[in-house]
N, C-alpha and C. Protein backbone atom coordinates (compact mmCIF):
# COMPACT_ATOMS: atom_id res chain seq x y z
N MET A 1 -15.08 16.80 -25.16
CA MET A 1 -15.19 15.59 -24.37
C MET A 1 -16.62 15.51 -23.80
N THR A 2 -17.16 14.31 -23.77
CA THR A 2 -18.50 14.12 -23.23
C THR A 2 -18.47 13.28 -21.96
N CYS A 3 -19.47 13.46 -21.14
CA CYS A 3 -19.62 12.73 -19.87
C CYS A 3 -19.78 11.24 -20.18
N PRO A 4 -18.99 10.38 -19.52
CA PRO A 4 -19.11 8.94 -19.78
C PRO A 4 -20.41 8.34 -19.24
N VAL A 5 -21.13 9.05 -18.40
CA VAL A 5 -22.37 8.52 -17.83
C VAL A 5 -23.57 8.89 -18.69
N CYS A 6 -23.68 10.18 -19.07
CA CYS A 6 -24.90 10.61 -19.77
C CYS A 6 -24.66 11.16 -21.17
N GLY A 7 -23.40 11.45 -21.51
CA GLY A 7 -23.09 11.92 -22.85
C GLY A 7 -23.14 13.43 -23.04
N LYS A 8 -23.48 14.20 -21.99
CA LYS A 8 -23.50 15.66 -22.09
C LYS A 8 -22.08 16.20 -22.08
N ALA A 9 -21.94 17.47 -22.41
CA ALA A 9 -20.62 18.12 -22.38
C ALA A 9 -20.09 18.15 -20.95
N THR A 10 -18.78 17.99 -20.80
CA THR A 10 -18.18 17.97 -19.47
C THR A 10 -18.05 19.37 -18.89
N VAL A 11 -17.92 19.42 -17.57
CA VAL A 11 -17.71 20.67 -16.84
C VAL A 11 -16.35 20.54 -16.16
N GLN A 12 -15.50 21.55 -16.32
CA GLN A 12 -14.13 21.49 -15.81
C GLN A 12 -14.07 21.12 -14.33
N ARG A 13 -14.97 21.64 -13.53
CA ARG A 13 -14.95 21.40 -12.07
C ARG A 13 -15.09 19.92 -11.72
N VAL A 14 -15.83 19.16 -12.51
CA VAL A 14 -16.07 17.74 -12.22
C VAL A 14 -15.63 16.84 -13.36
N ARG A 15 -14.74 17.33 -14.19
CA ARG A 15 -14.28 16.59 -15.36
C ARG A 15 -13.76 15.22 -14.98
N PRO A 16 -14.05 14.18 -15.66
CA PRO A 16 -14.61 14.07 -17.01
C PRO A 16 -16.13 14.00 -17.05
N PHE A 17 -16.79 14.40 -15.98
CA PHE A 17 -18.25 14.32 -15.91
C PHE A 17 -18.88 15.68 -16.18
N CYS A 18 -20.21 15.68 -16.31
CA CYS A 18 -20.93 16.93 -16.55
C CYS A 18 -21.49 17.50 -15.25
N SER A 19 -21.57 16.67 -14.21
CA SER A 19 -22.15 17.12 -12.95
C SER A 19 -21.66 16.24 -11.81
N LYS A 20 -21.88 16.71 -10.59
CA LYS A 20 -21.54 15.92 -9.41
C LYS A 20 -22.38 14.65 -9.38
N ARG A 21 -23.63 14.76 -9.84
CA ARG A 21 -24.52 13.59 -9.86
C ARG A 21 -23.93 12.48 -10.73
N CYS A 22 -23.48 12.81 -11.93
CA CYS A 22 -22.89 11.79 -12.80
C CYS A 22 -21.61 11.23 -12.20
N ALA A 23 -20.82 12.08 -11.53
CA ALA A 23 -19.62 11.59 -10.85
C ALA A 23 -19.99 10.59 -9.77
N ASP A 24 -21.06 10.88 -9.02
CA ASP A 24 -21.52 9.97 -7.97
C ASP A 24 -22.08 8.67 -8.54
N VAL A 25 -22.78 8.76 -9.67
CA VAL A 25 -23.28 7.55 -10.34
C VAL A 25 -22.11 6.66 -10.73
N ASP A 26 -21.07 7.26 -11.28
CA ASP A 26 -19.89 6.49 -11.69
C ASP A 26 -19.20 5.87 -10.48
N LEU A 27 -19.09 6.62 -9.38
CA LEU A 27 -18.48 6.08 -8.16
C LEU A 27 -19.28 4.88 -7.66
N GLY A 28 -20.60 5.00 -7.68
CA GLY A 28 -21.45 3.88 -7.28
C GLY A 28 -21.21 2.65 -8.13
N ARG A 29 -21.00 2.86 -9.41
CA ARG A 29 -20.72 1.72 -10.31
C ARG A 29 -19.41 1.05 -9.93
N TRP A 30 -18.39 1.85 -9.60
CA TRP A 30 -17.11 1.29 -9.16
C TRP A 30 -17.28 0.50 -7.87
N LEU A 31 -18.02 1.09 -6.92
CA LEU A 31 -18.17 0.44 -5.62
C LEU A 31 -18.97 -0.86 -5.70
N ARG A 32 -19.91 -0.95 -6.62
CA ARG A 32 -20.68 -2.18 -6.83
C ARG A 32 -19.88 -3.23 -7.59
N GLY A 33 -18.78 -2.83 -8.21
CA GLY A 33 -17.97 -3.77 -8.98
C GLY A 33 -18.37 -3.86 -10.44
N ASP A 34 -19.16 -2.90 -10.91
CA ASP A 34 -19.59 -2.93 -12.31
C ASP A 34 -18.41 -2.83 -13.29
N TYR A 35 -17.32 -2.23 -12.86
CA TYR A 35 -16.17 -2.04 -13.74
C TYR A 35 -15.06 -3.06 -13.47
N ALA A 36 -15.36 -4.12 -12.76
CA ALA A 36 -14.36 -5.12 -12.43
C ALA A 36 -13.83 -5.80 -13.69
N LEU A 37 -12.56 -6.06 -13.70
CA LEU A 37 -11.93 -6.75 -14.82
C LEU A 37 -11.88 -8.24 -14.54
N PRO A 38 -12.22 -9.05 -15.50
CA PRO A 38 -12.15 -10.50 -15.28
C PRO A 38 -10.71 -10.95 -15.09
N SER A 39 -10.53 -11.97 -14.28
CA SER A 39 -9.20 -12.48 -13.99
C SER A 39 -9.15 -13.98 -14.27
N ARG A 40 -8.00 -14.44 -14.72
CA ARG A 40 -7.80 -15.88 -14.92
C ARG A 40 -6.83 -16.43 -13.87
N ASP A 41 -6.49 -15.60 -12.90
CA ASP A 41 -5.60 -16.02 -11.82
C ASP A 41 -6.32 -17.07 -10.97
N PRO A 42 -5.71 -18.26 -10.78
CA PRO A 42 -6.37 -19.33 -10.03
C PRO A 42 -6.78 -18.91 -8.61
N GLU A 43 -5.99 -18.06 -7.95
CA GLU A 43 -6.35 -17.61 -6.61
C GLU A 43 -7.62 -16.76 -6.65
N ASP A 44 -7.77 -15.91 -7.66
CA ASP A 44 -8.97 -15.09 -7.79
C ASP A 44 -10.20 -15.96 -8.05
N ILE A 45 -10.04 -16.98 -8.87
CA ILE A 45 -11.15 -17.89 -9.19
C ILE A 45 -11.59 -18.63 -7.93
N GLU A 46 -10.63 -19.12 -7.16
CA GLU A 46 -10.95 -19.84 -5.92
C GLU A 46 -11.65 -18.91 -4.92
N ARG A 47 -11.15 -17.70 -4.76
CA ARG A 47 -11.76 -16.74 -3.84
C ARG A 47 -13.19 -16.41 -4.27
N ALA A 48 -13.43 -16.24 -5.56
CA ALA A 48 -14.77 -15.94 -6.06
C ALA A 48 -15.72 -17.10 -5.77
N ALA A 49 -15.24 -18.32 -5.93
CA ALA A 49 -16.08 -19.49 -5.66
C ALA A 49 -16.44 -19.55 -4.18
N ILE A 50 -15.51 -19.24 -3.31
CA ILE A 50 -15.78 -19.24 -1.87
C ILE A 50 -16.81 -18.17 -1.53
N GLU A 51 -16.67 -16.98 -2.11
CA GLU A 51 -17.61 -15.90 -1.84
C GLU A 51 -19.01 -16.22 -2.36
N LEU A 52 -19.11 -16.94 -3.47
CA LEU A 52 -20.41 -17.32 -3.99
C LEU A 52 -21.11 -18.33 -3.08
N ASP A 53 -20.33 -19.17 -2.42
CA ASP A 53 -20.90 -20.18 -1.52
C ASP A 53 -21.30 -19.61 -0.17
N ARG A 54 -20.76 -18.43 0.17
CA ARG A 54 -21.06 -17.81 1.46
C ARG A 54 -22.48 -17.24 1.44
N PRO A 55 -23.28 -17.49 2.49
CA PRO A 55 -24.64 -16.92 2.53
C PRO A 55 -24.60 -15.40 2.62
N ASP A 56 -25.56 -14.77 1.99
CA ASP A 56 -25.67 -13.31 2.00
C ASP A 56 -26.27 -12.87 3.33
N PRO A 57 -25.53 -12.09 4.16
CA PRO A 57 -26.04 -11.70 5.47
C PRO A 57 -27.29 -10.83 5.41
N GLU A 58 -27.55 -10.15 4.31
CA GLU A 58 -28.71 -9.28 4.20
C GLU A 58 -30.00 -10.06 3.97
N THR A 59 -29.89 -11.29 3.47
CA THR A 59 -31.09 -12.07 3.18
C THR A 59 -31.45 -13.01 4.33
N HIS A 60 -30.60 -13.09 5.35
CA HIS A 60 -30.89 -13.99 6.47
C HIS A 60 -31.19 -13.22 7.71
């Protein structure tokens, strides 16, 4: 089995990753929403539209 982040061999202690660093990289991807699944649910679409219209507090 290879690490899904970098492709190196996995280490049992942090499996399916090769290192704690790659595990943390993957966690960061999850937290940013990089692995989000698209939805066709009308409520999800409406919520996404509302969030897009909301100003970003970090830029103001």
